[in-house]
């Protein structure tokens, strides 16, 4: 969640890739309740999604596509959290 806080704090300087990862995670978190009976994602899920995207090897252009492509994002990050 720290990465998401940094994105919305105008004074912090994140790399372009970190900013895009934060947007992907925020979008996934916003859609999470639709697949999980209205429950919000746990903090551990947000952290795991950030790590998974950071080590995924996807470049910025591929990450940007995950913001809009719900099916691909769900396939990569999952619809539920254990």
PDB file of N, CA and C in Angstrom:
ATOM      1  N   UNK A   1       0.824  -1.185   0.000  1.00  0.00           N
ATOM      2  CA  UNK A   1       0.000   0.000   0.000  1.00  0.00           C
ATOM      3  C   UNK A   1       0.867   1.247   0.000  1.00  0.00           C
ATOM      4  N   UNK A   2       2.113   1.136   0.453  1.00  0.00           N
ATOM      5  CA  UNK A   2       2.998   2.278   0.474  1.00  0.00           C
ATOM      6  C   UNK A   2       3.205   2.865  -0.905  1.00  0.00           C
ATOM      7  N   UNK A   3       3.285   1.999  -1.912  1.00  0.00           N
ATOM      8  CA  UNK A   3       3.459   2.485  -3.278  1.00  0.00           C
ATOM      9  C   UNK A   3       2.259   3.302  -3.721  1.00  0.00           C
ATOM     10  N   UNK A   4       1.055   2.859  -3.371  1.00  0.00           N
ATOM     11  CA  UNK A   4      -0.148   3.601  -3.745  1.00  0.00           C
ATOM     12  C   UNK A   4      -0.172   4.960  -3.052  1.00  0.00           C
ATOM     13  N   UNK A   5       0.254   5.002  -1.805  1.00  0.00           N
ATOM     14  CA  UNK A   5       0.303   6.288  -1.099  1.00  0.00           C
ATOM     15  C   UNK A   5       1.285   7.237  -1.773  1.00  0.00           C
ATOM     16  N   UNK A   6       2.431   6.723  -2.202  1.00  0.00           N
ATOM     17  CA  UNK A   6       3.425   7.560  -2.861  1.00  0.00           C
ATOM     18  C   UNK A   6       2.906   8.136  -4.169  1.00  0.00           C
ATOM     19  N   UNK A   7       2.116   7.358  -4.900  1.00  0.00           N
ATOM     20  CA  UNK A   7       1.580   7.832  -6.178  1.00  0.00           C
ATOM     21  C   UNK A   7       0.700   9.050  -5.969  1.00  0.00           C
ATOM     22  N   UNK A   8      -0.089   9.017  -4.916  1.00  0.00           N
ATOM     23  CA  UNK A   8      -1.030  10.100  -4.703  1.00  0.00           C
ATOM     24  C   UNK A   8      -0.437  11.244  -3.876  1.00  0.00           C
ATOM     25  N   UNK A   9       0.813  11.101  -3.468  1.00  0.00           N
ATOM     26  CA  UNK A   9       1.527  12.174  -2.782  1.00  0.00           C
ATOM     27  C   UNK A   9       2.360  12.901  -3.832  1.00  0.00           C
ATOM     28  N   UNK A  10       1.975  14.085  -4.198  1.00  0.00           N
ATOM     29  CA  UNK A  10       2.603  14.817  -5.303  1.00  0.00           C
ATOM     30  C   UNK A  10       4.084  15.094  -5.087  1.00  0.00           C
ATOM     31  N   UNK A  11       4.550  15.084  -3.855  1.00  0.00           N
ATOM     32  CA  UNK A  11       5.938  15.406  -3.585  1.00  0.00           C
ATOM     33  C   UNK A  11       6.879  14.231  -3.821  1.00  0.00           C
ATOM     34  N   UNK A  12       6.367  13.009  -3.838  1.00  0.00           N
ATOM     35  CA  UNK A  12       7.254  11.866  -4.017  1.00  0.00           C
ATOM     36  C   UNK A  12       7.585  11.680  -5.489  1.00  0.00           C
ATOM     37  N   UNK A  13       8.755  11.152  -5.720  1.00  0.00           N
ATOM     38  CA  UNK A  13       9.224  10.917  -7.085  1.00  0.00           C
ATOM     39  C   UNK A  13       9.310   9.412  -7.322  1.00  0.00           C
ATOM     40  N   UNK A  14       8.389   8.904  -8.116  1.00  0.00           N
ATOM     41  CA  UNK A  14       8.396   7.493  -8.489  1.00  0.00           C
ATOM     42  C   UNK A  14       8.829   7.364  -9.933  1.00  0.00           C
ATOM     43  N   UNK A  15       9.371   6.204 -10.244  1.00  0.00           N
ATOM     44  CA  UNK A  15       9.690   5.944 -11.641  1.00  0.00           C
ATOM     45  C   UNK A  15       8.385   5.773 -12.418  1.00  0.00           C
ATOM     46  N   UNK A  16       8.469   5.874 -13.712  1.00  0.00           N
ATOM     47  CA  UNK A  16       7.283   5.709 -14.559  1.00  0.00           C
ATOM     48  C   UNK A  16       6.683   4.319 -14.369  1.00  0.00           C
ATOM     49  N   UNK A  17       7.545   3.311 -14.286  1.00  0.00           N
ATOM     50  CA  UNK A  17       7.057   1.939 -14.131  1.00  0.00           C
ATOM     51  C   UNK A  17       6.336   1.761 -12.789  1.00  0.00           C
ATOM     52  N   UNK A  18       6.889   2.322 -11.712  1.00  0.00           N
ATOM     53  CA  UNK A  18       6.232   2.216 -10.405  1.00  0.00           C
ATOM     54  C   UNK A  18       4.871   2.903 -10.408  1.00  0.00           C
ATOM     55  N   UNK A  19       4.779   4.028 -11.097  1.00  0.00           N
ATOM     56  CA  UNK A  19       3.507   4.745 -11.193  1.00  0.00           C
ATOM     57  C   UNK A  19       2.475   3.906 -11.937  1.00  0.00           C
ATOM     58  N   UNK A  20       2.882   3.284 -13.018  1.00  0.00           N
ATOM     59  CA  UNK A  20       1.965   2.446 -13.792  1.00  0.00           C
ATOM     60  C   UNK A  20       1.542   1.225 -12.973  1.00  0.00           C
ATOM     61  N   UNK A  21       2.481   0.614 -12.254  1.00  0.00           N
ATOM     62  CA  UNK A  21       2.154  -0.528 -11.401  1.00  0.00           C
ATOM     63  C   UNK A  21       1.116  -0.109 -10.358  1.00  0.00           C
ATOM     64  N   UNK A  22       1.286   1.048  -9.782  1.00  0.00           N
ATOM     65  CA  UNK A  22       0.321   1.534  -8.796  1.00  0.00           C
ATOM     66  C   UNK A  22      -1.060   1.716  -9.410  1.00  0.00           C
ATOM     67  N   UNK A  23      -1.114   2.189 -10.641  1.00  0.00           N
ATOM     68  CA  UNK A  23      -2.409   2.350 -11.312  1.00  0.00           C
ATOM     69  C   UNK A  23      -3.044   0.995 -11.602  1.00  0.00           C
ATOM     70  N   UNK A  24      -2.243   0.027 -12.014  1.00  0.00           N
ATOM     71  CA  UNK A  24      -2.774  -1.314 -12.268  1.00  0.00           C
ATOM     72  C   UNK A  24      -3.340  -1.902 -10.976  1.00  0.00           C
ATOM     73  N   UNK A  25      -2.594  -1.788  -9.889  1.00  0.00           N
ATOM     74  CA  UNK A  25      -3.041  -2.330  -8.604  1.00  0.00           C
ATOM     75  C   UNK A  25      -4.289  -1.605  -8.110  1.00  0.00           C
ATOM     76  N   UNK A  26      -4.323  -0.291  -8.261  1.00  0.00           N
ATOM     77  CA  UNK A  26      -5.503   0.470  -7.832  1.00  0.00           C
ATOM     78  C   UNK A  26      -6.734   0.070  -8.645  1.00  0.00           C
ATOM     79  N   UNK A  27      -6.568  -0.135  -9.931  1.00  0.00           N
ATOM     80  CA  UNK A  27      -7.677  -0.570 -10.778  1.00  0.00           C
ATOM     81  C   UNK A  27      -8.141  -1.967 -10.373  1.00  0.00           C
ATOM     82  N   UNK A  28      -7.176  -2.861 -10.128  1.00  0.00           N
ATOM     83  CA  UNK A  28      -7.530  -4.224  -9.730  1.00  0.00           C
ATOM     84  C   UNK A  28      -8.244  -4.212  -8.376  1.00  0.00           C
ATOM     85  N   UNK A  29      -7.775  -3.379  -7.462  1.00  0.00           N
ATOM     86  CA  UNK A  29      -8.409  -3.274  -6.147  1.00  0.00           C
ATOM     87  C   UNK A  29      -9.834  -2.730  -6.265  1.00  0.00           C
ATOM     88  N   UNK A  30     -10.056  -1.824  -7.209  1.00  0.00           N
ATOM     89  CA  UNK A  30     -11.395  -1.264  -7.408  1.00  0.00           C
ATOM     90  C   UNK A  30     -12.362  -2.314  -7.957  1.00  0.00           C
ATOM     91  N   UNK A  31     -11.873  -3.227  -8.774  1.00  0.00           N
ATOM     92  CA  UNK A  31     -12.719  -4.280  -9.343  1.00  0.00           C
ATOM     93  C   UNK A  31     -12.836  -5.501  -8.436  1.00  0.00           C
ATOM     94  N   UNK A  32     -11.962  -5.632  -7.472  1.00  0.00           N
ATOM     95  CA  UNK A  32     -11.941  -6.784  -6.577  1.00  0.00           C
ATOM     96  C   UNK A  32     -13.295  -7.060  -5.910  1.00  0.00           C
ATOM     97  N   UNK A  33     -13.989  -6.050  -5.373  1.00  0.00           N
ATOM     98  CA  UNK A  33     -15.285  -6.324  -4.717  1.00  0.00           C
ATOM     99  C   UNK A  33     -16.327  -6.953  -5.644  1.00  0.00           C
ATOM    100  N   UNK A  34     -16.248  -6.687  -6.932  1.00  0.00           N
ATOM    101  CA  UNK A  34     -17.212  -7.263  -7.868  1.00  0.00           C
ATOM    102  C   UNK A  34     -17.095  -8.784  -7.939  1.00  0.00           C
ATOM    103  N   UNK A  35     -15.931  -9.313  -7.650  1.00  0.00           N
ATOM    104  CA  UNK A  35     -15.706 -10.765  -7.720  1.00  0.00           C
ATOM    105  C   UNK A  35     -15.682 -11.420  -6.339  1.00  0.00           C
ATOM    106  N   UNK A  36     -15.823 -10.605  -5.282  1.00  0.00           N
ATOM    107  CA  UNK A  36     -15.653 -11.135  -3.929  1.00  0.00           C
ATOM    108  C   UNK A  36     -16.747 -10.662  -2.976  1.00  0.00           C
ATOM    109  N   UNK A  37     -17.971 -10.723  -3.427  1.00  0.00           N
ATOM    110  CA  UNK A  37     -19.143 -10.415  -2.601  1.00  0.00           C
ATOM    111  C   UNK A  37     -19.027  -9.069  -1.891  1.00  0.00           C
ATOM    112  N   UNK A  38     -18.462  -8.084  -2.557  1.00  0.00           N
ATOM    113  CA  UNK A  38     -18.376  -6.741  -2.008  1.00  0.00           C
ATOM    114  C   UNK A  38     -17.236  -6.493  -1.036  1.00  0.00           C
ATOM    115  N   UNK A  39     -16.440  -7.529  -0.750  1.00  0.00           N
ATOM    116  CA  UNK A  39     -15.322  -7.358   0.191  1.00  0.00           C
ATOM    117  C   UNK A  39     -14.171  -6.603  -0.468  1.00  0.00           C
ATOM    118  N   UNK A  40     -13.509  -5.763   0.304  1.00  0.00           N
ATOM    119  CA  UNK A  40     -12.329  -5.040  -0.160  1.00  0.00           C
ATOM    120  C   UNK A  40     -11.108  -5.957  -0.093  1.00  0.00           C
ATOM    121  N   UNK A  41     -10.111  -5.741  -0.948  1.00  0.00           N
ATOM    122  CA  UNK A  41      -8.917  -6.596  -0.900  1.00  0.00           C
ATOM    123  C   UNK A  41      -8.113  -6.340   0.373  1.00  0.00           C
ATOM    124  N   UNK A  42      -7.548  -7.399   0.948  1.00  0.00           N
ATOM    125  CA  UNK A  42      -6.713  -7.214   2.133  1.00  0.00           C
ATOM    126  C   UNK A  42      -5.382  -6.543   1.767  1.00  0.00           C
ATOM    127  N   UNK A  43      -4.757  -5.954   2.752  1.00  0.00           N
ATOM    128  CA  UNK A  43      -3.470  -5.286   2.560  1.00  0.00           C
ATOM    129  C   UNK A  43      -2.424  -6.236   1.967  1.00  0.00           C
ATOM    130  N   UNK A  44      -2.445  -7.482   2.406  1.00  0.00           N
ATOM    131  CA  UNK A  44      -1.487  -8.470   1.903  1.00  0.00           C
ATOM    132  C   UNK A  44      -1.657  -8.691   0.403  1.00  0.00           C
ATOM    133  N   UNK A  45      -2.889  -8.633  -0.076  1.00  0.00           N
ATOM    134  CA  UNK A  45      -3.137  -8.809  -1.508  1.00  0.00           C
ATOM    135  C   UNK A  45      -2.527  -7.658  -2.300  1.00  0.00           C
ATOM    136  N   UNK A  46      -2.701  -6.436  -1.822  1.00  0.00           N
ATOM    137  CA  UNK A  46      -2.140  -5.274  -2.518  1.00  0.00           C
ATOM    138  C   UNK A  46      -0.625  -5.388  -2.617  1.00  0.00           C
ATOM    139  N   UNK A  47       0.000  -5.764  -1.518  1.00  0.00           N
ATOM    140  CA  UNK A  47       1.456  -5.919  -1.502  1.00  0.00           C
ATOM    141  C   UNK A  47       1.900  -7.028  -2.450  1.00  0.00           C
ATOM    142  N   UNK A  48       1.185  -8.141  -2.449  1.00  0.00           N
ATOM    143  CA  UNK A  48       1.529  -9.258  -3.329  1.00  0.00           C
ATOM    144  C   UNK A  48       1.362  -8.875  -4.803  1.00  0.00           C
ATOM    145  N   UNK A  49       0.309  -8.127  -5.114  1.00  0.00           N
ATOM    146  CA  UNK A  49       0.100  -7.704  -6.498  1.00  0.00           C
ATOM    147  C   UNK A  49       1.210  -6.765  -6.962  1.00  0.00           C
ATOM    148  N   UNK A  50       1.622  -5.857  -6.092  1.00  0.00           N
ATOM    149  CA  UNK A  50       2.711  -4.932  -6.443  1.00  0.00           C
ATOM    150  C   UNK A  50       3.984  -5.721  -6.714  1.00  0.00           C
ATOM    151  N   UNK A  51       4.310  -6.670  -5.836  1.00  0.00           N
ATOM    152  CA  UNK A  51       5.519  -7.489  -6.027  1.00  0.00           C
ATOM    153  C   UNK A  51       5.435  -8.308  -7.313  1.00  0.00           C
ATOM    154  N   UNK A  52       4.281  -8.900  -7.548  1.00  0.00           N
ATOM    155  CA  UNK A  52       4.111  -9.744  -8.734  1.00  0.00           C
ATOM    156  C   UNK A  52       4.313  -8.934 -10.012  1.00  0.00           C
ATOM    157  N   UNK A  53       3.758  -7.729 -10.055  1.00  0.00           N
ATOM    158  CA  UNK A  53       3.921  -6.886 -11.236  1.00  0.00           C
ATOM    159  C   UNK A  53       5.353  -6.392 -11.372  1.00  0.00           C
ATOM    160  N   UNK A  54       6.012  -6.102 -10.252  1.00  0.00           N
ATOM    161  CA  UNK A  54       7.383  -5.597 -10.284  1.00  0.00           C
ATOM    162  C   UNK A  54       8.351  -6.640 -10.838  1.00  0.00           C
ATOM    163  N   UNK A  55       8.112  -7.905 -10.538  1.00  0.00           N
ATOM    164  CA  UNK A  55       9.028  -8.951 -11.005  1.00  0.00           C
ATOM    165  C   UNK A  55       8.519  -9.668 -12.257  1.00  0.00           C
ATOM    166  N   UNK A  56       7.410  -9.210 -12.803  1.00  0.00           N
ATOM    167  CA  UNK A  56       6.787  -9.890 -13.942  1.00  0.00           C
ATOM    168  C   UNK A  56       7.600  -9.794 -15.224  1.00  0.00           C
ATOM    169  N   UNK A  57       8.462  -8.802 -15.331  1.00  0.00           N
ATOM    170  CA  UNK A  57       9.223  -8.620 -16.558  1.00  0.00           C
ATOM    171  C   UNK A  57       8.470  -7.858 -17.629  1.00  0.00           C
ATOM    172  N   UNK A  58       7.261  -7.408 -17.313  1.00  0.00           N
ATOM    173  CA  UNK A  58       6.481  -6.630 -18.273  1.00  0.00           C
ATOM    174  C   UNK A  58       7.048  -5.212 -18.360  1.00  0.00           C
ATOM    175  N   UNK A  59       7.094  -4.668 -19.571  1.00  0.00           N
ATOM    176  CA  UNK A  59       7.554  -3.284 -19.709  1.00  0.00           C
ATOM    177  C   UNK A  59       6.379  -2.331 -19.514  1.00  0.00           C
ATOM    178  N   UNK A  60       6.664  -1.037 -19.563  1.00  0.00           N
ATOM    179  CA  UNK A  60       5.647  -0.027 -19.282  1.00  0.00           C
ATOM    180  C   UNK A  60       4.441  -0.132 -20.207  1.00  0.00           C
ATOM    181  N   UNK A  61       4.679  -0.379 -21.481  1.00  0.00           N
ATOM    182  CA  UNK A  61       3.560  -0.442 -22.429  1.00  0.00           C
ATOM    183  C   UNK A  61       2.661  -1.644 -22.154  1.00  0.00           C
ATOM    184  N   UNK A  62       3.250  -2.747 -21.742  1.00  0.00           N
ATOM    185  CA  UNK A  62       2.448  -3.923 -21.411  1.00  0.00           C
ATOM    186  C   UNK A  62       1.674  -3.707 -20.113  1.00  0.00           C
ATOM    187  N   UNK A  63       2.294  -3.030 -19.152  1.00  0.00           N
ATOM    188  CA  UNK A  63       1.606  -2.734 -17.895  1.00  0.00           C
ATOM    189  C   UNK A  63       0.427  -1.794 -18.116  1.00  0.00           C
ATOM    190  N   UNK A  64       0.588  -0.812 -18.994  1.00  0.00           N
ATOM    191  CA  UNK A  64      -0.499   0.127 -19.283  1.00  0.00           C
ATOM    192  C   UNK A  64      -1.725  -0.619 -19.804  1.00  0.00           C
ATOM    193  N   UNK A  65      -1.493  -1.625 -20.626  1.00  0.00           N
ATOM    194  CA  UNK A  65      -2.615  -2.396 -21.170  1.00  0.00           C
ATOM    195  C   UNK A  65      -3.405  -3.110 -20.065  1.00  0.00           C
ATOM    196  N   UNK A  66      -2.721  -3.466 -18.971  1.00  0.00           N
ATOM    197  CA  UNK A  66      -3.406  -4.152 -17.871  1.00  0.00           C
ATOM    198  C   UNK A  66      -4.412  -3.256 -17.159  1.00  0.00           C
ATOM    199  N   UNK A  67      -4.253  -1.952 -17.263  1.00  0.00           N
ATOM    200  CA  UNK A  67      -5.212  -1.050 -16.635  1.00  0.00           C
ATOM    201  C   UNK A  67      -6.581  -1.224 -17.281  1.00  0.00           C
ATOM    202  N   UNK A  68      -6.620  -1.371 -18.586  1.00  0.00           N
ATOM    203  CA  UNK A  68      -7.892  -1.463 -19.306  1.00  0.00           C
ATOM    204  C   UNK A  68      -8.347  -2.902 -19.575  1.00  0.00           C
ATOM    205  N   UNK A  69      -7.416  -3.834 -19.640  1.00  0.00           N
ATOM    206  CA  UNK A  69      -7.753  -5.211 -19.996  1.00  0.00           C
ATOM    207  C   UNK A  69      -8.017  -6.031 -18.725  1.00  0.00           C
ATOM    208  N   UNK A  70      -9.277  -6.049 -18.310  1.00  0.00           N
ATOM    209  CA  UNK A  70      -9.652  -6.708 -17.065  1.00  0.00           C
ATOM    210  C   UNK A  70      -9.384  -8.208 -17.104  1.00  0.00           C
ATOM    211  N   UNK A  71      -9.615  -8.840 -18.232  1.00  0.00           N
ATOM    212  CA  UNK A  71      -9.418 -10.279 -18.343  1.00  0.00           C
ATOM    213  C   UNK A  71      -7.936 -10.636 -18.164  1.00  0.00           C
ATOM    214  N   UNK A  72      -7.060  -9.911 -18.836  1.00  0.00           N
ATOM    215  CA  UNK A  72      -5.624 -10.176 -18.712  1.00  0.00           C
ATOM    216  C   UNK A  72      -5.134  -9.892 -17.291  1.00  0.00           C
ATOM    217  N   UNK A  73      -5.629  -8.802 -16.697  1.00  0.00           N
ATOM    218  CA  UNK A  73      -5.224  -8.457 -15.338  1.00  0.00           C
ATOM    219  C   UNK A  73      -5.707  -9.520 -14.358  1.00  0.00           C
ATOM    220  N   UNK A  74      -6.939  -9.995 -14.526  1.00  0.00           N
ATOM    221  CA  UNK A  74      -7.465 -11.050 -13.655  1.00  0.00           C
ATOM    222  C   UNK A  74      -6.677 -12.343 -13.821  1.00  0.00           C
ATOM    223  N   UNK A  75      -6.272 -12.650 -15.044  1.00  0.00           N
ATOM    224  CA  UNK A  75      -5.477 -13.850 -15.276  1.00  0.00           C
ATOM    225  C   UNK A  75      -4.109 -13.762 -14.591  1.00  0.00           C
ATOM    226  N   UNK A  76      -3.524 -12.585 -14.599  1.00  0.00           N
ATOM    227  CA  UNK A  76      -2.215 -12.394 -13.995  1.00  0.00           C
ATOM    228  C   UNK A  76      -2.282 -12.293 -12.474  1.00  0.00           C
ATOM    229  N   UNK A  77      -3.210 -11.500 -11.956  1.00  0.00           N
ATOM    230  CA  UNK A  77      -3.260 -11.242 -10.520  1.00  0.00           C
ATOM    231  C   UNK A  77      -4.305 -12.063  -9.777  1.00  0.00           C
ATOM    232  N   UNK A  78      -5.250 -12.635 -10.489  1.00  0.00           N
ATOM    233  CA  UNK A  78      -6.291 -13.437  -9.866  1.00  0.00           C
ATOM    234  C   UNK A  78      -7.492 -12.611  -9.451  1.00  0.00           C
ATOM    235  N   UNK A  79      -8.648 -13.252  -9.417  1.00  0.00           N
ATOM    236  CA  UNK A  79      -9.888 -12.567  -9.032  1.00  0.00           C
ATOM    237  C   UNK A  79     -10.118 -12.596  -7.535  1.00  0.00           C
ATOM    238  N   UNK A  80      -9.542 -13.572  -6.864  1.00  0.00           N
ATOM    239  CA  UNK A  80      -9.752 -13.726  -5.424  1.00  0.00           C
ATOM    240  C   UNK A  80      -8.421 -13.740  -4.712  1.00  0.00           C
ATOM    241  N   UNK A  81      -8.489 -13.678  -3.408  1.00  0.00           N
ATOM    242  CA  UNK A  81      -7.292 -13.754  -2.586  1.00  0.00           C
ATOM    243  C   UNK A  81      -7.501 -14.853  -1.565  1.00  0.00           C
ATOM    244  N   UNK A  82      -6.496 -15.733  -1.412  1.00  0.00           N
ATOM    245  CA  UNK A  82      -6.669 -16.875  -0.483  1.00  0.00           C
ATOM    246  C   UNK A  82      -7.032 -16.469   0.917  1.00  0.00           C
TER     247      UNK A  82
END
